[in-house]
Amino acid sequence: MPKMKTKSSAKKRFKLTGTGKVKANVAFKRHCLSAKTSKMKRQHRGTFMLFKTDSDNVKKFYLPNGG
């Protein structure tokens, strides 16, 4: 059986923390920012942690070698 490869798109979108959680960027911050409220732009800065079920799927199917 061949080696499992990490998905290239997942490498760019997700990072694993030291405790095994999956960190991702927040969406809707790229363009048309004048139409979005200051509150939304402020709250969408930085990154967030995926929920456990989502992170389990990401680690199993997209980042099998730990990203």
N, C-alpha and C. Protein backbone atom coordinates (compact mmCIF):
# COMPACT_ATOMS: atom_id res chain seq x y z
N MET A 1 0.85 -1.18 0.00
CA MET A 1 0.00 0.00 0.00
C MET A 1 0.89 1.24 0.00
N PRO A 2 0.57 2.23 -0.85
CA PRO A 2 1.42 3.43 -0.91
C PRO A 2 1.27 4.31 0.33
N LYS A 3 2.21 5.21 0.47
CA LYS A 3 2.16 6.15 1.58
C LYS A 3 0.96 7.08 1.41
N MET A 4 0.41 7.54 2.54
CA MET A 4 -0.67 8.52 2.48
C MET A 4 -0.05 9.90 2.31
N LYS A 5 -0.58 10.66 1.39
CA LYS A 5 -0.06 12.00 1.15
C LYS A 5 -0.92 13.03 1.87
N THR A 6 -0.28 14.11 2.28
CA THR A 6 -1.00 15.25 2.84
C THR A 6 -1.58 16.06 1.69
N LYS A 7 -2.85 16.48 1.83
CA LYS A 7 -3.47 17.31 0.80
C LYS A 7 -2.79 18.68 0.77
N SER A 8 -2.40 19.12 -0.41
CA SER A 8 -1.68 20.39 -0.54
C SER A 8 -2.54 21.57 -0.10
N SER A 9 -3.84 21.51 -0.40
CA SER A 9 -4.71 22.62 0.00
C SER A 9 -4.84 22.69 1.52
N ALA A 10 -4.84 21.54 2.19
CA ALA A 10 -4.97 21.53 3.64
C ALA A 10 -3.71 22.05 4.31
N LYS A 11 -2.55 21.81 3.68
CA LYS A 11 -1.29 22.33 4.24
C LYS A 11 -1.34 23.84 4.35
N LYS A 12 -2.00 24.47 3.37
CA LYS A 12 -2.03 25.93 3.33
C LYS A 12 -3.12 26.50 4.23
N ARG A 13 -4.12 25.72 4.58
CA ARG A 13 -5.27 26.24 5.32
C ARG A 13 -5.26 25.91 6.80
N PHE A 14 -4.62 24.82 7.20
CA PHE A 14 -4.69 24.37 8.58
C PHE A 14 -3.30 24.19 9.16
N LYS A 15 -3.19 24.41 10.48
CA LYS A 15 -1.97 24.12 11.22
C LYS A 15 -2.37 23.32 12.46
N LEU A 16 -1.50 22.41 12.87
CA LEU A 16 -1.74 21.66 14.09
C LEU A 16 -0.98 22.31 15.24
N THR A 17 -1.65 22.42 16.39
CA THR A 17 -1.00 22.96 17.57
C THR A 17 -0.24 21.85 18.27
N GLY A 18 0.49 22.19 19.30
CA GLY A 18 1.25 21.20 20.04
C GLY A 18 0.38 20.19 20.74
N THR A 19 -0.84 20.58 21.11
CA THR A 19 -1.74 19.66 21.81
C THR A 19 -2.62 18.88 20.85
N GLY A 20 -2.45 19.09 19.53
CA GLY A 20 -3.19 18.31 18.55
C GLY A 20 -4.45 18.96 18.04
N LYS A 21 -4.72 20.19 18.45
CA LYS A 21 -5.89 20.89 17.92
C LYS A 21 -5.57 21.43 16.53
N VAL A 22 -6.61 21.73 15.76
CA VAL A 22 -6.42 22.24 14.40
C VAL A 22 -6.79 23.72 14.38
N LYS A 23 -5.85 24.53 13.90
CA LYS A 23 -6.02 25.97 13.85
C LYS A 23 -6.29 26.37 12.40
N ALA A 24 -7.25 27.29 12.18
CA ALA A 24 -7.60 27.71 10.83
C ALA A 24 -7.83 29.22 10.79
N ASN A 25 -7.79 29.78 9.60
CA ASN A 25 -8.06 31.20 9.41
C ASN A 25 -9.55 31.44 9.32
N VAL A 26 -9.97 32.66 9.66
CA VAL A 26 -11.37 33.03 9.58
C VAL A 26 -11.68 33.53 8.17
N ALA A 27 -12.85 33.16 7.65
CA ALA A 27 -13.23 33.51 6.29
C ALA A 27 -13.82 34.93 6.21
N PHE A 28 -14.07 35.38 5.00
CA PHE A 28 -14.75 36.65 4.69
C PHE A 28 -13.93 37.88 5.07
N LYS A 29 -12.61 37.84 4.86
CA LYS A 29 -11.79 39.00 5.15
C LYS A 29 -10.92 39.42 3.97
N ARG A 30 -11.24 39.02 2.74
CA ARG A 30 -10.35 39.25 1.61
C ARG A 30 -10.69 40.49 0.78
N HIS A 31 -11.96 40.70 0.49
CA HIS A 31 -12.32 41.82 -0.39
C HIS A 31 -13.71 42.30 -0.03
N CYS A 32 -14.13 43.43 -0.62
CA CYS A 32 -15.41 44.07 -0.32
C CYS A 32 -15.51 44.40 1.16
N LEU A 33 -14.41 44.87 1.73
CA LEU A 33 -14.39 45.14 3.17
C LEU A 33 -15.18 46.39 3.54
N SER A 34 -15.42 47.25 2.56
CA SER A 34 -16.19 48.47 2.87
C SER A 34 -17.63 48.13 3.19
N ALA A 35 -18.12 47.01 2.72
CA ALA A 35 -19.51 46.62 2.97
C ALA A 35 -19.67 45.89 4.30
N LYS A 36 -18.57 45.52 4.93
CA LYS A 36 -18.64 44.76 6.18
C LYS A 36 -18.46 45.68 7.37
N THR A 37 -19.08 45.34 8.48
CA THR A 37 -19.03 46.19 9.66
C THR A 37 -17.67 46.11 10.34
N SER A 38 -17.35 47.14 11.08
CA SER A 38 -16.09 47.15 11.83
C SER A 38 -16.05 46.03 12.84
N LYS A 39 -17.18 45.73 13.44
CA LYS A 39 -17.25 44.65 14.42
C LYS A 39 -16.86 43.31 13.78
N MET A 40 -17.40 43.05 12.59
CA MET A 40 -17.09 41.79 11.92
C MET A 40 -15.62 41.72 11.55
N LYS A 41 -15.08 42.82 11.01
CA LYS A 41 -13.67 42.83 10.61
C LYS A 41 -12.76 42.64 11.81
N ARG A 42 -13.12 43.21 12.95
CA ARG A 42 -12.32 43.08 14.16
C ARG A 42 -12.39 41.65 14.69
N GLN A 43 -13.59 41.07 14.72
CA GLN A 43 -13.76 39.73 15.28
C GLN A 43 -13.16 38.65 14.39
N HIS A 44 -12.97 38.94 13.10
CA HIS A 44 -12.44 37.94 12.17
C HIS A 44 -10.93 38.04 11.99
N ARG A 45 -10.27 38.83 12.80
CA ARG A 45 -8.81 38.87 12.75
C ARG A 45 -8.24 37.58 13.31
N GLY A 46 -7.06 37.22 12.85
CA GLY A 46 -6.37 36.08 13.46
C GLY A 46 -6.94 34.74 13.05
N THR A 47 -6.87 33.79 13.96
CA THR A 47 -7.25 32.41 13.67
C THR A 47 -8.23 31.91 14.72
N PHE A 48 -8.74 30.70 14.50
CA PHE A 48 -9.63 30.06 15.47
C PHE A 48 -9.39 28.57 15.46
N MET A 49 -9.85 27.88 16.48
CA MET A 49 -9.71 26.43 16.58
C MET A 49 -10.96 25.75 16.05
N LEU A 50 -10.77 24.72 15.25
CA LEU A 50 -11.90 23.95 14.75
C LEU A 50 -12.54 23.16 15.87
N PHE A 51 -13.83 22.84 15.71
CA PHE A 51 -14.50 21.97 16.66
C PHE A 51 -13.90 20.57 16.57
N LYS A 52 -14.10 19.77 17.61
CA LYS A 52 -13.44 18.47 17.71
C LYS A 52 -13.78 17.55 16.53
N THR A 53 -15.04 17.47 16.15
CA THR A 53 -15.42 16.55 15.07
C THR A 53 -14.80 16.98 13.75
N ASP A 54 -14.78 18.30 13.50
CA ASP A 54 -14.16 18.80 12.27
C ASP A 54 -12.66 18.55 12.29
N SER A 55 -12.03 18.79 13.42
CA SER A 55 -10.58 18.60 13.50
C SER A 55 -10.20 17.13 13.37
N ASP A 56 -11.05 16.24 13.88
CA ASP A 56 -10.78 14.81 13.70
C ASP A 56 -10.79 14.43 12.22
N ASN A 57 -11.75 14.97 11.47
CA ASN A 57 -11.82 14.68 10.04
C ASN A 57 -10.63 15.27 9.30
N VAL A 58 -10.24 16.48 9.64
CA VAL A 58 -9.10 17.12 8.97
C VAL A 58 -7.84 16.30 9.21
N LYS A 59 -7.63 15.88 10.45
CA LYS A 59 -6.42 15.12 10.77
C LYS A 59 -6.43 13.74 10.10
N LYS A 60 -7.59 13.13 9.99
CA LYS A 60 -7.68 11.78 9.43
C LYS A 60 -7.53 11.78 7.91
N PHE A 61 -8.23 12.69 7.23
CA PHE A 61 -8.30 12.64 5.77
C PHE A 61 -7.36 13.60 5.06
N TYR A 62 -7.01 14.72 5.69
CA TYR A 62 -6.25 15.75 4.99
C TYR A 62 -4.82 15.92 5.50
N LEU A 63 -4.60 15.70 6.78
CA LEU A 63 -3.27 15.85 7.35
C LEU A 63 -2.85 14.57 8.06
N PRO A 64 -2.77 13.45 7.35
CA PRO A 64 -2.46 12.19 8.04
C PRO A 64 -1.07 12.14 8.62
N ASN A 65 -0.14 12.95 8.10
CA ASN A 65 1.24 12.93 8.60
C ASN A 65 1.54 14.09 9.53
N GLY A 66 0.50 14.74 10.02
CA GLY A 66 0.69 15.81 10.98
C GLY A 66 0.92 17.17 10.37
N GLY A 67 0.59 17.32 9.10
CA GLY A 67 0.65 18.62 8.45
C GLY A 67 2.02 19.14 8.28
